[in-house]
Amino acid sequence: MIVNDINVTVNGLSDITRMRWRDYIAYIEGQTHEKLDRLSITGTDDGRVTLGYEMRQPKFERPPHHGYPSVPRIAGTTPAGRGTRACQARTH
Protein backbone atom coordinates (compact mmCIF):
# COMPACT_ATOMS: atom_id res chain seq x y z
CA MET A 1 0.00 0.00 0.00
CA ILE A 2 1.22 3.55 -0.74
CA VAL A 3 1.25 6.10 2.09
CA ASN A 4 2.77 9.56 1.52
CA ASP A 5 4.54 8.26 -1.63
CA ILE A 6 6.11 5.44 0.42
CA ASN A 7 5.50 1.77 -0.36
CA VAL A 8 4.33 0.25 2.95
CA THR A 9 4.05 -3.51 3.52
CA VAL A 10 2.46 -4.91 6.69
CA ASN A 11 2.97 -8.57 7.70
CA GLY A 12 1.37 -10.36 10.65
CA LEU A 13 -0.55 -7.34 11.96
CA SER A 14 -4.22 -7.03 11.16
CA ASP A 15 -5.13 -4.30 13.66
CA ILE A 16 -2.53 -1.65 12.75
CA THR A 17 -3.93 1.67 11.51
CA ARG A 18 -2.65 4.05 8.88
CA MET A 19 -2.10 6.60 11.62
CA ARG A 20 0.38 4.20 13.22
CA TRP A 21 2.09 3.75 9.84
CA ARG A 22 2.54 7.51 9.64
CA ASP A 23 4.01 7.50 13.15
CA TYR A 24 6.60 4.90 12.11
CA ILE A 25 7.41 6.86 8.94
CA ALA A 26 7.85 10.10 10.91
CA TYR A 27 10.03 8.32 13.49
CA ILE A 28 12.38 6.78 10.91
CA GLU A 29 12.66 9.95 8.83
CA GLY A 30 13.29 11.96 12.00
CA GLN A 31 16.10 9.63 13.07
CA THR A 32 17.78 9.39 9.65
CA HIS A 33 17.00 12.89 8.29
CA GLU A 34 16.27 11.28 4.91
CA LYS A 35 13.12 10.37 2.98
CA LEU A 36 11.84 6.79 2.98
CA ASP A 37 11.19 4.84 -0.20
CA ARG A 38 9.92 1.56 1.31
CA LEU A 39 8.77 0.48 4.75
CA SER A 40 8.09 -3.06 5.95
CA ILE A 41 6.24 -3.52 9.26
CA THR A 42 6.28 -7.09 10.58
CA GLY A 43 4.66 -8.31 13.80
CA THR A 44 6.62 -10.68 16.01
CA ASP A 45 5.34 -13.45 18.29
CA ASP A 46 6.05 -11.45 21.46
CA GLY A 47 3.86 -8.48 20.36
CA ARG A 48 6.65 -6.26 19.05
CA VAL A 49 7.16 -4.99 15.53
CA THR A 50 10.17 -5.15 13.27
CA LEU A 51 10.71 -2.24 10.91
CA GLY A 52 12.60 -2.73 7.67
CA TYR A 53 13.13 0.25 5.42
CA GLU A 54 14.96 1.64 2.41
CA MET A 55 15.79 5.28 1.89
CA ARG A 56 15.24 7.17 -1.36
CA GLN A 57 18.26 7.56 -3.54
CA PRO A 58 19.25 11.17 -4.03
CA LYS A 59 18.69 12.42 -7.54
CA PHE A 60 21.90 12.82 -9.50
CA GLU A 61 22.07 16.13 -11.28
CA ARG A 62 24.65 16.36 -14.00
CA PRO A 63 26.42 19.72 -14.12
CA PRO A 64 25.59 21.67 -17.27
CA HIS A 65 27.95 21.18 -20.19
CA HIS A 66 29.04 24.39 -21.84
CA GLY A 67 31.30 23.05 -24.55
CA TYR A 68 34.98 23.55 -23.86
CA PRO A 69 36.34 23.81 -20.35
CA SER A 70 37.18 27.33 -19.35
CA VAL A 71 40.89 28.06 -19.38
CA PRO A 72 42.15 31.16 -17.63
CA ARG A 73 44.11 33.42 -19.94
CA ILE A 74 46.57 36.14 -19.23
CA ALA A 75 45.40 39.53 -20.44
CA GLY A 76 46.77 40.43 -23.86
CA THR A 77 47.54 36.87 -24.97
CA THR A 78 45.85 34.90 -27.70
CA PRO A 79 45.20 31.17 -28.02
CA ALA A 80 48.02 29.07 -29.47
CA GLY A 81 48.19 29.03 -33.27
CA ARG A 82 46.89 32.56 -33.72
CA GLY A 83 48.99 35.64 -34.11
CA THR A 84 48.13 39.15 -33.12
CA ARG A 85 47.46 41.76 -35.78
CA ALA A 86 50.82 43.32 -35.10
CA CYS A 87 52.62 40.01 -35.73
CA GLN A 88 50.62 39.38 -38.89
CA ALA A 89 51.41 42.87 -40.20
CA ARG A 90 55.14 42.31 -39.71
CA THR A 91 55.17 39.03 -41.61
CA HIS A 92 53.28 40.32 -44.66
C-alpha atoms as a PDB file:
ATOM      1  CA  MET A   1       0.000   0.000   0.000  1.00  0.00           C
ATOM      2  CA  ILE A   2       1.215   3.546  -0.740  1.00  0.00           C
ATOM      3  CA  VAL A   3       1.249   6.104   2.089  1.00  0.00           C
ATOM      4  CA  ASN A   4       2.770   9.563   1.520  1.00  0.00           C
ATOM      5  CA  ASP A   5       4.545   8.263  -1.630  1.00  0.00           C
ATOM      6  CA  ILE A   6       6.108   5.439   0.421  1.00  0.00           C
ATOM      7  CA  ASN A   7       5.501   1.773  -0.361  1.00  0.00           C
ATOM      8  CA  VAL A   8       4.334   0.249   2.949  1.00  0.00           C
ATOM      9  CA  THR A   9       4.047  -3.512   3.521  1.00  0.00           C
ATOM     10  CA  VAL A  10       2.461  -4.915   6.686  1.00  0.00           C
ATOM     11  CA  ASN A  11       2.972  -8.570   7.697  1.00  0.00           C
ATOM     12  CA  GLY A  12       1.374 -10.356  10.651  1.00  0.00           C
ATOM     13  CA  LEU A  13      -0.548  -7.336  11.963  1.00  0.00           C
ATOM     14  CA  SER A  14      -4.225  -7.034  11.157  1.00  0.00           C
ATOM     15  CA  ASP A  15      -5.130  -4.297  13.656  1.00  0.00           C
ATOM     16  CA  ILE A  16      -2.530  -1.647  12.754  1.00  0.00           C
ATOM     17  CA  THR A  17      -3.930   1.668  11.513  1.00  0.00           C
ATOM     18  CA  ARG A  18      -2.653   4.050   8.878  1.00  0.00           C
ATOM     19  CA  MET A  19      -2.095   6.603  11.623  1.00  0.00           C
ATOM     20  CA  ARG A  20       0.378   4.199  13.220  1.00  0.00           C
ATOM     21  CA  TRP A  21       2.091   3.750   9.842  1.00  0.00           C
ATOM     22  CA  ARG A  22       2.541   7.507   9.636  1.00  0.00           C
ATOM     23  CA  ASP A  23       4.009   7.501  13.149  1.00  0.00           C
ATOM     24  CA  TYR A  24       6.600   4.901  12.109  1.00  0.00           C
ATOM     25  CA  ILE A  25       7.409   6.864   8.942  1.00  0.00           C
ATOM     26  CA  ALA A  26       7.850  10.098  10.911  1.00  0.00           C
ATOM     27  CA  TYR A  27      10.027   8.321  13.490  1.00  0.00           C
ATOM     28  CA  ILE A  28      12.384   6.784  10.911  1.00  0.00           C
ATOM     29  CA  GLU A  29      12.663   9.952   8.827  1.00  0.00           C
ATOM     30  CA  GLY A  30      13.286  11.956  12.001  1.00  0.00           C
ATOM     31  CA  GLN A  31      16.095   9.628  13.065  1.00  0.00           C
ATOM     32  CA  THR A  32      17.777   9.389   9.655  1.00  0.00           C
ATOM     33  CA  HIS A  33      17.002  12.887   8.291  1.00  0.00           C
ATOM     34  CA  GLU A  34      16.271  11.281   4.910  1.00  0.00           C
ATOM     35  CA  LYS A  35      13.120  10.366   2.976  1.00  0.00           C
ATOM     36  CA  LEU A  36      11.842   6.787   2.978  1.00  0.00           C
ATOM     37  CA  ASP A  37      11.193   4.844  -0.201  1.00  0.00           C
ATOM     38  CA  ARG A  38       9.918   1.558   1.314  1.00  0.00           C
ATOM     39  CA  LEU A  39       8.772   0.478   4.751  1.00  0.00           C
ATOM     40  CA  SER A  40       8.085  -3.060   5.950  1.00  0.00           C
ATOM     41  CA  ILE A  41       6.243  -3.523   9.258  1.00  0.00           C
ATOM     42  CA  THR A  42       6.276  -7.088  10.581  1.00  0.00           C
ATOM     43  CA  GLY A  43       4.656  -8.310  13.800  1.00  0.00           C
ATOM     44  CA  THR A  44       6.624 -10.684  16.007  1.00  0.00           C
ATOM     45  CA  ASP A  45       5.338 -13.451  18.293  1.00  0.00           C
ATOM     46  CA  ASP A  46       6.055 -11.453  21.461  1.00  0.00           C
ATOM     47  CA  GLY A  47       3.864  -8.480  20.360  1.00  0.00           C
ATOM     48  CA  ARG A  48       6.654  -6.259  19.048  1.00  0.00           C
ATOM     49  CA  VAL A  49       7.165  -4.992  15.527  1.00  0.00           C
ATOM     50  CA  THR A  50      10.169  -5.154  13.272  1.00  0.00           C
ATOM     51  CA  LEU A  51      10.709  -2.242  10.911  1.00  0.00           C
ATOM     52  CA  GLY A  52      12.603  -2.726   7.674  1.00  0.00           C
ATOM     53  CA  TYR A  53      13.129   0.253   5.416  1.00  0.00           C
ATOM     54  CA  GLU A  54      14.963   1.641   2.413  1.00  0.00           C
ATOM     55  CA  MET A  55      15.790   5.277   1.885  1.00  0.00           C
ATOM     56  CA  ARG A  56      15.236   7.171  -1.361  1.00  0.00           C
ATOM     57  CA  GLN A  57      18.256   7.560  -3.538  1.00  0.00           C
ATOM     58  CA  PRO A  58      19.247  11.174  -4.035  1.00  0.00           C
ATOM     59  CA  LYS A  59      18.694  12.425  -7.539  1.00  0.00           C
ATOM     60  CA  PHE A  60      21.896  12.821  -9.497  1.00  0.00           C
ATOM     61  CA  GLU A  61      22.075  16.129 -11.282  1.00  0.00           C
ATOM     62  CA  ARG A  62      24.646  16.363 -13.998  1.00  0.00           C
ATOM     63  CA  PRO A  63      26.420  19.716 -14.120  1.00  0.00           C
ATOM     64  CA  PRO A  64      25.590  21.667 -17.266  1.00  0.00           C
ATOM     65  CA  HIS A  65      27.946  21.179 -20.186  1.00  0.00           C
ATOM     66  CA  HIS A  66      29.037  24.394 -21.835  1.00  0.00           C
ATOM     67  CA  GLY A  67      31.298  23.052 -24.550  1.00  0.00           C
ATOM     68  CA  TYR A  68      34.977  23.555 -23.857  1.00  0.00           C
ATOM     69  CA  PRO A  69      36.337  23.811 -20.350  1.00  0.00           C
ATOM     70  CA  SER A  70      37.178  27.334 -19.349  1.00  0.00           C
ATOM     71  CA  VAL A  71      40.889  28.058 -19.378  1.00  0.00           C
ATOM     72  CA  PRO A  72      42.147  31.155 -17.625  1.00  0.00           C
ATOM     73  CA  ARG A  73      44.108  33.424 -19.940  1.00  0.00           C
ATOM     74  CA  ILE A  74      46.572  36.136 -19.229  1.00  0.00           C
ATOM     75  CA  ALA A  75      45.396  39.525 -20.442  1.00  0.00           C
ATOM     76  CA  GLY A  76      46.774  40.426 -23.855  1.00  0.00           C
ATOM     77  CA  THR A  77      47.535  36.872 -24.967  1.00  0.00           C
ATOM     78  CA  THR A  78      45.846  34.897 -27.697  1.00  0.00           C
ATOM     79  CA  PRO A  79      45.198  31.170 -28.024  1.00  0.00           C
ATOM     80  CA  ALA A  80      48.016  29.074 -29.469  1.00  0.00           C
ATOM     81  CA  GLY A  81      48.194  29.033 -33.272  1.00  0.00           C
ATOM     82  CA  ARG A  82      46.887  32.563 -33.724  1.00  0.00           C
ATOM     83  CA  GLY A  83      48.991  35.640 -34.107  1.00  0.00           C
ATOM     84  CA  THR A  84      48.126  39.153 -33.119  1.00  0.00           C
ATOM     85  CA  ARG A  85      47.459  41.757 -35.782  1.00  0.00           C
ATOM     86  CA  ALA A  86      50.823  43.324 -35.103  1.00  0.00           C
ATOM     87  CA  CYS A  87      52.617  40.007 -35.725  1.00  0.00           C
ATOM     88  CA  GLN A  88      50.622  39.382 -38.889  1.00  0.00           C
ATOM     89  CA  ALA A  89      51.405  42.866 -40.199  1.00  0.00           C
ATOM     90  CA  ARG A  90      55.140  42.307 -39.714  1.00  0.00           C
ATOM     91  CA  THR A  91      55.171  39.032 -41.609  1.00  0.00           C
ATOM     92  CA  HIS A  92      53.275  40.319 -44.656  1.00  0.00           C
END
